Amino acid sequence: GLGLSDKKRRLSTYIRDRAGLDMGAFRSAGYGLPSFSSAWKTARAECQGKLYDLGAPLRAKVMFALGCTAKSKMTWDPDMCNCLRNRLVDLIDLVWDDLTL
């Protein structure tokens, strides 16, 4: 049969091929660097910054969707008078502005 190192290599190759992993991207992000070396720390800081920057647009979309959902759920009653509906929408907008800043 196959030795352990051959099994590891084959499994690694299989997973990489099936997942379409770009190992160059992993290496440029610090994968394989000795933990807590200066290069590793630099790569980690860069990745954290990129992750935060990437997350901002998605976070904004989610917060917008939550605000719209809150408005529609709080004003769904067709018998609600318009003055109350308008006040609720204004209140949600006011609170939502504070939440998203």
PDB file of N, CA and C in Angstrom:
ATOM      1  N   GLY A   1       0.799  -1.180   0.000  1.00  0.00           N
ATOM      2  CA  GLY A   1       0.000   0.000   0.000  1.00  0.00           C
ATOM      3  C   GLY A   1       0.850   1.255   0.000  1.00  0.00           C
ATOM      4  N   LEU A   2       0.177   2.334   0.095  1.00  0.00           N
ATOM      5  CA  LEU A   2       0.840   3.637   0.109  1.00  0.00           C
ATOM      6  C   LEU A   2       1.332   3.972   1.511  1.00  0.00           C
ATOM      7  N   GLY A   3       2.462   4.674   1.557  1.00  0.00           N
ATOM      8  CA  GLY A   3       2.981   5.149   2.830  1.00  0.00           C
ATOM      9  C   GLY A   3       2.186   6.358   3.292  1.00  0.00           C
ATOM     10  N   LEU A   4       2.377   6.724   4.534  1.00  0.00           N
ATOM     11  CA  LEU A   4       1.639   7.848   5.109  1.00  0.00           C
ATOM     12  C   LEU A   4       1.912   9.149   4.361  1.00  0.00           C
ATOM     13  N   SER A   5       3.168   9.401   4.003  1.00  0.00           N
ATOM     14  CA  SER A   5       3.479  10.650   3.304  1.00  0.00           C
ATOM     15  C   SER A   5       2.828  10.681   1.923  1.00  0.00           C
ATOM     16  N   ASP A   6       2.748   9.523   1.249  1.00  0.00           N
ATOM     17  CA  ASP A   6       2.066   9.474  -0.050  1.00  0.00           C
ATOM     18  C   ASP A   6       0.567   9.736   0.109  1.00  0.00           C
ATOM     19  N   LYS A   7      -0.024   9.184   1.152  1.00  0.00           N
ATOM     20  CA  LYS A   7      -1.450   9.406   1.398  1.00  0.00           C
ATOM     21  C   LYS A   7      -1.724  10.887   1.678  1.00  0.00           C
ATOM     22  N   LYS A   8      -0.846  11.505   2.483  1.00  0.00           N
ATOM     23  CA  LYS A   8      -1.008  12.920   2.793  1.00  0.00           C
ATOM     24  C   LYS A   8      -0.906  13.768   1.526  1.00  0.00           C
ATOM     25  N   ARG A   9       0.087  13.463   0.697  1.00  0.00           N
ATOM     26  CA  ARG A   9       0.290  14.216  -0.538  1.00  0.00           C
ATOM     27  C   ARG A   9      -0.904  14.059  -1.461  1.00  0.00           C
ATOM     28  N   ARG A  10      -1.388  12.827  -1.619  1.00  0.00           N
ATOM     29  CA  ARG A  10      -2.539  12.588  -2.496  1.00  0.00           C
ATOM     30  C   ARG A  10      -3.805  13.285  -1.973  1.00  0.00           C
ATOM     31  N   LEU A  11      -4.024  13.206  -0.673  1.00  0.00           N
ATOM     32  CA  LEU A  11      -5.185  13.864  -0.090  1.00  0.00           C
ATOM     33  C   LEU A  11      -5.089  15.374  -0.262  1.00  0.00           C
ATOM     34  N   SER A  12      -3.912  15.925  -0.022  1.00  0.00           N
ATOM     35  CA  SER A  12      -3.703  17.358  -0.183  1.00  0.00           C
ATOM     36  C   SER A  12      -3.947  17.782  -1.628  1.00  0.00           C
ATOM     37  N   THR A  13      -3.428  17.029  -2.561  1.00  0.00           N
ATOM     38  CA  THR A  13      -3.622  17.332  -3.979  1.00  0.00           C
ATOM     39  C   THR A  13      -5.091  17.222  -4.360  1.00  0.00           C
ATOM     40  N   TYR A  14      -5.761  16.192  -3.876  1.00  0.00           N
ATOM     41  CA  TYR A  14      -7.180  15.990  -4.172  1.00  0.00           C
ATOM     42  C   TYR A  14      -8.017  17.158  -3.664  1.00  0.00           C
ATOM     43  N   ILE A  15      -7.780  17.552  -2.428  1.00  0.00           N
ATOM     44  CA  ILE A  15      -8.548  18.652  -1.831  1.00  0.00           C
ATOM     45  C   ILE A  15      -8.269  19.952  -2.580  1.00  0.00           C
ATOM     46  N   ARG A  16      -7.003  20.232  -2.866  1.00  0.00           N
ATOM     47  CA  ARG A  16      -6.645  21.458  -3.566  1.00  0.00           C
ATOM     48  C   ARG A  16      -7.285  21.500  -4.953  1.00  0.00           C
ATOM     49  N   ASP A  17      -7.250  20.360  -5.671  1.00  0.00           N
ATOM     50  CA  ASP A  17      -7.837  20.309  -7.012  1.00  0.00           C
ATOM     51  C   ASP A  17      -9.357  20.456  -6.965  1.00  0.00           C
ATOM     52  N   ARG A  18     -10.003  19.805  -6.015  1.00  0.00           N
ATOM     53  CA  ARG A  18     -11.465  19.843  -5.933  1.00  0.00           C
ATOM     54  C   ARG A  18     -11.967  21.220  -5.477  1.00  0.00           C
ATOM     55  N   ALA A  19     -11.240  21.842  -4.599  1.00  0.00           N
ATOM     56  CA  ALA A  19     -11.677  23.127  -4.062  1.00  0.00           C
ATOM     57  C   ALA A  19     -11.231  24.299  -4.933  1.00  0.00           C
ATOM     58  N   GLY A  20     -10.323  24.042  -5.856  1.00  0.00           N
ATOM     59  CA  GLY A  20      -9.817  25.119  -6.701  1.00  0.00           C
ATOM     60  C   GLY A  20      -9.022  26.138  -5.908  1.00  0.00           C
ATOM     61  N   LEU A  21      -8.260  25.669  -4.920  1.00  0.00           N
ATOM     62  CA  LEU A  21      -7.509  26.578  -4.071  1.00  0.00           C
ATOM     63  C   LEU A  21      -6.319  27.162  -4.821  1.00  0.00           C
ATOM     64  N   ASP A  22      -6.087  28.436  -4.594  1.00  0.00           N
ATOM     65  CA  ASP A  22      -4.929  29.121  -5.141  1.00  0.00           C
ATOM     66  C   ASP A  22      -3.890  29.195  -4.024  1.00  0.00           C
ATOM     67  N   MET A  23      -2.946  28.271  -4.037  1.00  0.00           N
ATOM     68  CA  MET A  23      -1.962  28.216  -2.947  1.00  0.00           C
ATOM     69  C   MET A  23      -1.084  29.459  -2.935  1.00  0.00           C
ATOM     70  N   GLY A  24      -0.907  30.087  -4.093  1.00  0.00           N
ATOM     71  CA  GLY A  24      -0.141  31.336  -4.131  1.00  0.00           C
ATOM     72  C   GLY A  24      -0.804  32.418  -3.296  1.00  0.00           C
ATOM     73  N   ALA A  25      -2.123  32.470  -3.357  1.00  0.00           N
ATOM     74  CA  ALA A  25      -2.858  33.452  -2.554  1.00  0.00           C
ATOM     75  C   ALA A  25      -2.713  33.148  -1.067  1.00  0.00           C
ATOM     76  N   PHE A  26      -2.745  31.867  -0.723  1.00  0.00           N
ATOM     77  CA  PHE A  26      -2.548  31.491   0.678  1.00  0.00           C
ATOM     78  C   PHE A  26      -1.153  31.882   1.149  1.00  0.00           C
ATOM     79  N   ARG A  27      -0.143  31.602   0.328  1.00  0.00           N
ATOM     80  CA  ARG A  27       1.235  31.933   0.713  1.00  0.00           C
ATOM     81  C   ARG A  27       1.430  33.444   0.841  1.00  0.00           C
ATOM     82  N   SER A  28       0.833  34.204  -0.075  1.00  0.00           N
ATOM     83  CA  SER A  28       0.975  35.661   0.008  1.00  0.00           C
ATOM     84  C   SER A  28       0.264  36.214   1.242  1.00  0.00           C
ATOM     85  N   ALA A  29      -0.703  35.461   1.770  1.00  0.00           N
ATOM     86  CA  ALA A  29      -1.413  35.876   2.980  1.00  0.00           C
ATOM     87  C   ALA A  29      -0.697  35.414   4.249  1.00  0.00           C
ATOM     88  N   GLY A  30       0.415  34.705   4.090  1.00  0.00           N
ATOM     89  CA  GLY A  30       1.194  34.286   5.254  1.00  0.00           C
ATOM     90  C   GLY A  30       1.119  32.812   5.571  1.00  0.00           C
ATOM     91  N   TYR A  31       0.390  32.033   4.773  1.00  0.00           N
ATOM     92  CA  TYR A  31       0.275  30.586   5.021  1.00  0.00           C
ATOM     93  C   TYR A  31       1.640  29.939   4.870  1.00  0.00           C
ATOM     94  N   GLY A  32       2.023  29.166   5.836  1.00  0.00           N
ATOM     95  CA  GLY A  32       3.303  28.464   5.790  1.00  0.00           C
ATOM     96  C   GLY A  32       4.448  29.219   6.431  1.00  0.00           C
ATOM     97  N   LEU A  33       4.230  30.448   6.841  1.00  0.00           N
ATOM     98  CA  LEU A  33       5.288  31.201   7.524  1.00  0.00           C
ATOM     99  C   LEU A  33       5.379  30.734   8.974  1.00  0.00           C
ATOM    100  N   PRO A  34       6.574  30.781   9.529  1.00  0.00           N
ATOM    101  CA  PRO A  34       6.704  30.421  10.948  1.00  0.00           C
ATOM    102  C   PRO A  34       5.857  31.364  11.814  1.00  0.00           C
ATOM    103  N   SER A  35       5.071  30.785  12.688  1.00  0.00           N
ATOM    104  CA  SER A  35       4.183  31.584  13.544  1.00  0.00           C
ATOM    105  C   SER A  35       4.965  32.600  14.352  1.00  0.00           C
ATOM    106  N   PHE A  36       4.411  33.783  14.429  1.00  0.00           N
ATOM    107  CA  PHE A  36       4.925  34.890  15.224  1.00  0.00           C
ATOM    108  C   PHE A  36       6.257  35.440  14.739  1.00  0.00           C
ATOM    109  N   SER A  37       6.678  35.084  13.519  1.00  0.00           N
ATOM    110  CA  SER A  37       7.849  35.742  12.929  1.00  0.00           C
ATOM    111  C   SER A  37       7.419  37.129  12.475  1.00  0.00           C
ATOM    112  N   SER A  38       8.364  37.986  12.158  1.00  0.00           N
ATOM    113  CA  SER A  38       7.996  39.343  11.741  1.00  0.00           C
ATOM    114  C   SER A  38       7.224  39.320  10.424  1.00  0.00           C
ATOM    115  N   ALA A  39       7.578  38.420   9.510  1.00  0.00           N
ATOM    116  CA  ALA A  39       6.846  38.304   8.241  1.00  0.00           C
ATOM    117  C   ALA A  39       5.417  37.829   8.491  1.00  0.00           C
ATOM    118  N   TRP A  40       5.258  36.903   9.425  1.00  0.00           N
ATOM    119  CA  TRP A  40       3.923  36.389   9.760  1.00  0.00           C
ATOM    120  C   TRP A  40       3.076  37.496  10.368  1.00  0.00           C
ATOM    121  N   LYS A  41       3.662  38.263  11.275  1.00  0.00           N
ATOM    122  CA  LYS A  41       2.923  39.353  11.918  1.00  0.00           C
ATOM    123  C   LYS A  41       2.505  40.411  10.904  1.00  0.00           C
ATOM    124  N   THR A  42       3.391  40.723   9.965  1.00  0.00           N
ATOM    125  CA  THR A  42       3.065  41.686   8.920  1.00  0.00           C
ATOM    126  C   THR A  42       1.933  41.170   8.043  1.00  0.00           C
ATOM    127  N   ALA A  43       2.033  39.900   7.617  1.00  0.00           N
ATOM    128  CA  ALA A  43       0.987  39.300   6.780  1.00  0.00           C
ATOM    129  C   ALA A  43      -0.342  39.260   7.521  1.00  0.00           C
ATOM    130  N   ARG A  44      -0.307  38.935   8.802  1.00  0.00           N
ATOM    131  CA  ARG A  44      -1.534  38.880   9.600  1.00  0.00           C
ATOM    132  C   ARG A  44      -2.191  40.253   9.681  1.00  0.00           C
ATOM    133  N   ALA A  45      -1.398  41.289   9.929  1.00  0.00           N
ATOM    134  CA  ALA A  45      -1.945  42.644  10.029  1.00  0.00           C
ATOM    135  C   ALA A  45      -2.550  43.080   8.693  1.00  0.00           C
ATOM    136  N   GLU A  46      -1.873  42.774   7.588  1.00  0.00           N
ATOM    137  CA  GLU A  46      -2.403  43.128   6.265  1.00  0.00           C
ATOM    138  C   GLU A  46      -3.724  42.407   5.994  1.00  0.00           C
ATOM    139  N   CYS A  47      -3.772  41.127   6.337  1.00  0.00           N
ATOM    140  CA  CYS A  47      -4.990  40.347   6.109  1.00  0.00           C
ATOM    141  C   CYS A  47      -6.151  40.849   6.955  1.00  0.00           C
ATOM    142  N   GLN A  48      -5.878  41.196   8.189  1.00  0.00           N
ATOM    143  CA  GLN A  48      -6.931  41.720   9.050  1.00  0.00           C
ATOM    144  C   GLN A  48      -7.484  43.024   8.496  1.00  0.00           C
ATOM    145  N   GLY A  49      -6.602  43.884   7.998  1.00  0.00           N
ATOM    146  CA  GLY A  49      -7.051  45.139   7.403  1.00  0.00           C
ATOM    147  C   GLY A  49      -7.897  44.914   6.169  1.00  0.00           C
ATOM    148  N   LYS A  50      -7.460  43.987   5.312  1.00  0.00           N
ATOM    149  CA  LYS A  50      -8.211  43.678   4.093  1.00  0.00           C
ATOM    150  C   LYS A  50      -9.564  43.056   4.432  1.00  0.00           C
ATOM    151  N   LEU A  51      -9.583  42.194   5.429  1.00  0.00           N
ATOM    152  CA  LEU A  51     -10.838  41.571   5.833  1.00  0.00           C
ATOM    153  C   LEU A  51     -11.811  42.615   6.360  1.00  0.00           C
ATOM    154  N   TYR A  52     -11.328  43.549   7.142  1.00  0.00           N
ATOM    155  CA  TYR A  52     -12.195  44.597   7.674  1.00  0.00           C
ATOM    156  C   TYR A  52     -12.725  45.470   6.539  1.00  0.00           C
ATOM    157  N   ASP A  53     -11.833  45.838   5.602  1.00  0.00           N
ATOM    158  CA  ASP A  53     -12.258  46.671   4.471  1.00  0.00           C
ATOM    159  C   ASP A  53     -13.278  45.952   3.605  1.00  0.00           C
ATOM    160  N   LEU A  54     -13.067  44.664   3.385  1.00  0.00           N
ATOM    161  CA  LEU A  54     -13.989  43.883   2.573  1.00  0.00           C
ATOM    162  C   LEU A  54     -15.337  43.757   3.271  1.00  0.00           C
ATOM    163  N   GLY A  55     -15.314  43.693   4.582  1.00  0.00           N
ATOM    164  CA  GLY A  55     -16.542  43.508   5.339  1.00  0.00           C
ATOM    165  C   GLY A  55     -17.427  44.737   5.403  1.00  0.00           C
ATOM    166  N   ALA A  56     -16.870  45.924   5.190  1.00  0.00           N
ATOM    167  CA  ALA A  56     -17.652  47.152   5.329  1.00  0.00           C
ATOM    168  C   ALA A  56     -18.826  47.223   4.353  1.00  0.00           C
ATOM    169  N   PRO A  57     -18.626  46.951   3.051  1.00  0.00           N
ATOM    170  CA  PRO A  57     -19.785  47.016   2.150  1.00  0.00           C
ATOM    171  C   PRO A  57     -20.859  45.985   2.488  1.00  0.00           C
ATOM    172  N   LEU A  58     -20.435  44.794   2.846  1.00  0.00           N
ATOM    173  CA  LEU A  58     -21.406  43.765   3.204  1.00  0.00           C
ATOM    174  C   LEU A  58     -22.143  44.138   4.480  1.00  0.00           C
ATOM    175  N   ARG A  59     -21.409  44.659   5.449  1.00  0.00           N
ATOM    176  CA  ARG A  59     -22.024  45.085   6.704  1.00  0.00           C
ATOM    177  C   ARG A  59     -23.055  46.195   6.442  1.00  0.00           C
ATOM    178  N   ALA A  60     -22.730  47.131   5.550  1.00  0.00           N
ATOM    179  CA  ALA A  60     -23.656  48.213   5.222  1.00  0.00           C
ATOM    180  C   ALA A  60     -24.929  47.669   4.573  1.00  0.00           C
ATOM    181  N   LYS A  61     -24.789  46.681   3.696  1.00  0.00           N
ATOM    182  CA  LYS A  61     -25.959  46.079   3.049  1.00  0.00           C
ATOM    183  C   LYS A  61     -26.854  45.387   4.068  1.00  0.00           C
ATOM    184  N   VAL A  62     -26.238  44.662   4.993  1.00  0.00           N
ATOM    185  CA  VAL A  62     -27.017  43.951   6.010  1.00  0.00           C
ATOM    186  C   VAL A  62     -27.737  44.943   6.912  1.00  0.00           C
ATOM    187  N   MET A  63     -27.054  45.984   7.323  1.00  0.00           N
ATOM    188  CA  MET A  63     -27.684  46.977   8.192  1.00  0.00           C
ATOM    189  C   MET A  63     -28.834  47.686   7.478  1.00  0.00           C
ATOM    190  N   PHE A  64     -28.662  47.998   6.192  1.00  0.00           N
ATOM    191  CA  PHE A  64     -29.732  48.617   5.422  1.00  0.00           C
ATOM    192  C   PHE A  64     -30.948  47.695   5.350  1.00  0.00           C
ATOM    193  N   ALA A  65     -30.699  46.411   5.081  1.00  0.00           N
ATOM    194  CA  ALA A  65     -31.790  45.438   4.996  1.00  0.00           C
ATOM    195  C   ALA A  65     -32.511  45.304   6.336  1.00  0.00           C
ATOM    196  N   LEU A  66     -31.767  45.303   7.430  1.00  0.00           N
ATOM    197  CA  LEU A  66     -32.387  45.215   8.752  1.00  0.00           C
ATOM    198  C   LEU A  66     -33.249  46.439   9.036  1.00  0.00           C
ATOM    199  N   GLY A  67     -32.774  47.607   8.653  1.00  0.00           N
ATOM    200  CA  GLY A  67     -33.559  48.828   8.858  1.00  0.00           C
ATOM    201  C   GLY A  67     -34.857  48.806   8.064  1.00  0.00           C
ATOM    202  N   CYS A  68     -34.762  48.381   6.800  1.00  0.00           N
ATOM    203  CA  CYS A  68     -35.975  48.281   5.967  1.00  0.00           C
ATOM    204  C   CYS A  68     -36.952  47.260   6.534  1.00  0.00           C
ATOM    205  N   THR A  69     -36.425  46.154   7.027  1.00  0.00           N
ATOM    206  CA  THR A  69     -37.282  45.120   7.614  1.00  0.00           C
ATOM    207  C   THR A  69     -37.960  45.641   8.874  1.00  0.00           C
ATOM    208  N   ALA A  70     -37.204  46.346   9.708  1.00  0.00           N
ATOM    209  CA  ALA A  70     -37.792  46.904  10.929  1.00  0.00           C
ATOM    210  C   ALA A  70     -38.931  47.867  10.592  1.00  0.00           C
ATOM    211  N   LYS A  71     -38.719  48.716   9.587  1.00  0.00           N
ATOM    212  CA  LYS A  71     -39.776  49.658   9.188  1.00  0.00           C
ATOM    213  C   LYS A  71     -41.020  48.923   8.696  1.00  0.00           C
ATOM    214  N   SER A  72     -40.806  47.935   7.840  1.00  0.00           N
ATOM    215  CA  SER A  72     -41.976  47.244   7.274  1.00  0.00           C
ATOM    216  C   SER A  72     -42.714  46.423   8.326  1.00  0.00           C
ATOM    217  N   LYS A  73     -41.989  45.831   9.271  1.00  0.00           N
ATOM    218  CA  LYS A  73     -42.647  45.023  10.305  1.00  0.00           C
ATOM    219  C   LYS A  73     -43.381  45.891  11.320  1.00  0.00           C
ATOM    220  N   MET A  74     -42.836  47.063  11.604  1.00  0.00           N
ATOM    221  CA  MET A  74     -43.476  47.930  12.596  1.00  0.00           C
ATOM    222  C   MET A  74     -44.631  48.732  12.019  1.00  0.00           C
ATOM    223  N   THR A  75     -44.726  48.800  10.697  1.00  0.00           N
ATOM    224  CA  THR A  75     -45.791  49.595  10.078  1.00  0.00           C
ATOM    225  C   THR A  75     -46.657  48.749   9.147  1.00  0.00           C
ATOM    226  N   TRP A  76     -46.704  47.463   9.384  1.00  0.00           N
ATOM    227  CA  TRP A  76     -47.410  46.543   8.475  1.00  0.00           C
ATOM    228  C   TRP A  76     -48.927  46.636   8.583  1.00  0.00           C
ATOM    229  N   ASP A  77     -49.425  47.070   9.704  1.00  0.00           N
ATOM    230  CA  ASP A  77     -50.873  47.084   9.940  1.00  0.00           C
ATOM    231  C   ASP A  77     -51.573  48.052   8.979  1.00  0.00           C
ATOM    232  N   PRO A  78     -52.466  47.542   8.114  1.00  0.00           N
ATOM    233  CA  PRO A  78     -53.144  48.428   7.163  1.00  0.00           C
ATOM    234  C   PRO A  78     -54.105  49.406   7.845  1.00  0.00           C
ATOM    235  N   ASP A  79     -54.503  49.120   9.062  1.00  0.00           N
ATOM    236  CA  ASP A  79     -55.423  50.008   9.779  1.00  0.00           C
ATOM    237  C   ASP A  79     -54.699  51.085  10.588  1.00  0.00           C
ATOM    238  N   MET A  80     -53.360  51.045  10.584  1.00  0.00           N
ATOM    239  CA  MET A  80     -52.591  52.035  11.338  1.00  0.00           C
ATOM    240  C   MET A  80     -52.774  53.408  10.685  1.00  0.00           C
ATOM    241  N   CYS A  81     -53.017  54.411  11.516  1.00  0.00           N
ATOM    242  CA  CYS A  81     -53.194  55.755  10.961  1.00  0.00           C
ATOM    243  C   CYS A  81     -51.848  56.280  10.441  1.00  0.00           C
ATOM    244  N   ASN A  82     -51.945  57.101   9.427  1.00  0.00           N
ATOM    245  CA  ASN A  82     -50.725  57.594   8.769  1.00  0.00           C
ATOM    246  C   ASN A  82     -49.839  58.415   9.697  1.00  0.00           C
ATOM    247  N   CYS A  83     -50.435  59.153  10.611  1.00  0.00           N
ATOM    248  CA  CYS A  83     -49.603  59.964  11.504  1.00  0.00           C
ATOM    249  C   CYS A  83     -48.728  59.077  12.376  1.00  0.00           C
ATOM    250  N   LEU A  84     -49.263  57.961  12.861  1.00  0.00           N
ATOM    251  CA  LEU A  84     -48.467  57.033  13.659  1.00  0.00           C
ATOM    252  C   LEU A  84     -47.424  56.328  12.800  1.00  0.00           C
ATOM    253  N   ARG A  85     -47.832  55.903  11.606  1.00  0.00           N
ATOM    254  CA  ARG A  85     -46.906  55.235  10.689  1.00  0.00           C
ATOM    255  C   ARG A  85     -45.714  56.160  10.374  1.00  0.00           C
ATOM    256  N   ASN A  86     -46.006  57.419  10.077  1.00  0.00           N
ATOM    257  CA  ASN A  86     -44.934  58.372   9.761  1.00  0.00           C
ATOM    258  C   ASN A  86     -44.008  58.595  10.947  1.00  0.00           C
ATOM    259  N   ARG A  87     -44.600  58.684  12.140  1.00  0.00           N
ATOM    260  CA  ARG A  87     -43.785  58.861  13.354  1.00  0.00           C
ATOM    261  C   ARG A  87     -42.874  57.657  13.591  1.00  0.00           C
ATOM    262  N   LEU A  88     -43.407  56.449  13.394  1.00  0.00           N
ATOM    263  CA  LEU A  88     -42.596  55.241  13.571  1.00  0.00           C
ATOM    264  C   LEU A  88     -41.447  55.196  12.575  1.00  0.00           C
ATOM    265  N   VAL A  89     -41.731  55.496  11.324  1.00  0.00           N
ATOM    266  CA  VAL A  89     -40.677  55.494  10.301  1.00  0.00           C
ATOM    267  C   VAL A  89     -39.608  56.526  10.647  1.00  0.00           C
ATOM    268  N   ASP A  90     -40.017  57.709  11.074  1.00  0.00           N
ATOM    269  CA  ASP A  90     -39.053  58.745  11.463  1.00  0.00           C
ATOM    270  C   ASP A  90     -38.218  58.309  12.657  1.00  0.00           C
ATOM    271  N   LEU A  91     -38.866  57.674  13.636  1.00  0.00           N
ATOM    272  CA  LEU A  91     -38.160  57.199  14.821  1.00  0.00           C
ATOM    273  C   LEU A  91     -37.143  56.112  14.452  1.00  0.00           C
ATOM    274  N   ILE A  92     -37.547  55.183  13.623  1.00  0.00           N
ATOM    275  CA  ILE A  92     -36.631  54.124  13.196  1.00  0.00           C
ATOM    276  C   ILE A  92     -35.445  54.727  12.437  1.00  0.00           C
ATOM    277  N   ASP A  93     -35.710  55.687  11.563  1.00  0.00           N
ATOM    278  CA  ASP A  93     -34.625  56.346  10.832  1.00  0.00           C
ATOM    279  C   ASP A  93     -33.658  57.032  11.784  1.00  0.00           C
ATOM    280  N   LEU A  94     -34.190  57.687  12.795  1.00  0.00           N
ATOM    281  CA  LEU A  94     -33.360  58.389  13.764  1.00  0.00           C
ATOM    282  C   LEU A  94     -32.473  57.415  14.537  1.00  0.00           C
ATOM    283  N   VAL A  95     -33.085  56.358  15.050  1.00  0.00           N
ATOM    284  CA  VAL A  95     -32.324  55.354  15.800  1.00  0.00           C
ATOM    285  C   VAL A  95     -31.329  54.648  14.875  1.00  0.00           C
ATOM    286  N   TRP A  96     -31.765  54.360  13.663  1.00  0.00           N
ATOM    287  CA  TRP A  96     -30.910  53.621  12.730  1.00  0.00           C
ATOM    288  C   TRP A  96     -29.678  54.427  12.349  1.00  0.00           C
ATOM    289  N   ASP A  97     -29.835  55.735  12.229  1.00  0.00           N
ATOM    290  CA  ASP A  97     -28.681  56.592  11.939  1.00  0.00           C
ATOM    291  C   ASP A  97     -27.649  56.485  13.057  1.00  0.00           C
ATOM    292  N   ASP A  98     -28.109  56.459  14.299  1.00  0.00           N
ATOM    293  CA  ASP A  98     -27.187  56.311  15.428  1.00  0.00           C
ATOM    294  C   ASP A  98     -26.523  54.935  15.436  1.00  0.00           C
ATOM    295  N   LEU A  99     -27.256  53.918  15.065  1.00  0.00           N
ATOM    296  CA  LEU A  99     -26.692  52.564  15.049  1.00  0.00           C
ATOM    297  C   LEU A  99     -25.635  52.373  13.976  1.00  0.00           C
ATOM    298  N   THR A 100     -25.837  52.984  12.843  1.00  0.00           N
ATOM    299  CA  THR A 100     -24.943  52.733  11.719  1.00  0.00           C
ATOM    300  C   THR A 100     -23.756  53.684  11.645  1.00  0.00           C
ATOM    301  N   LEU A 101     -23.689  54.663  12.515  1.00  0.00           N
ATOM    302  CA  LEU A 101     -22.540  55.581  12.499  1.00  0.00           C
ATOM    303  C   LEU A 101     -21.346  54.998  13.143  1.00  0.00           C
TER     304      LEU A 101
END
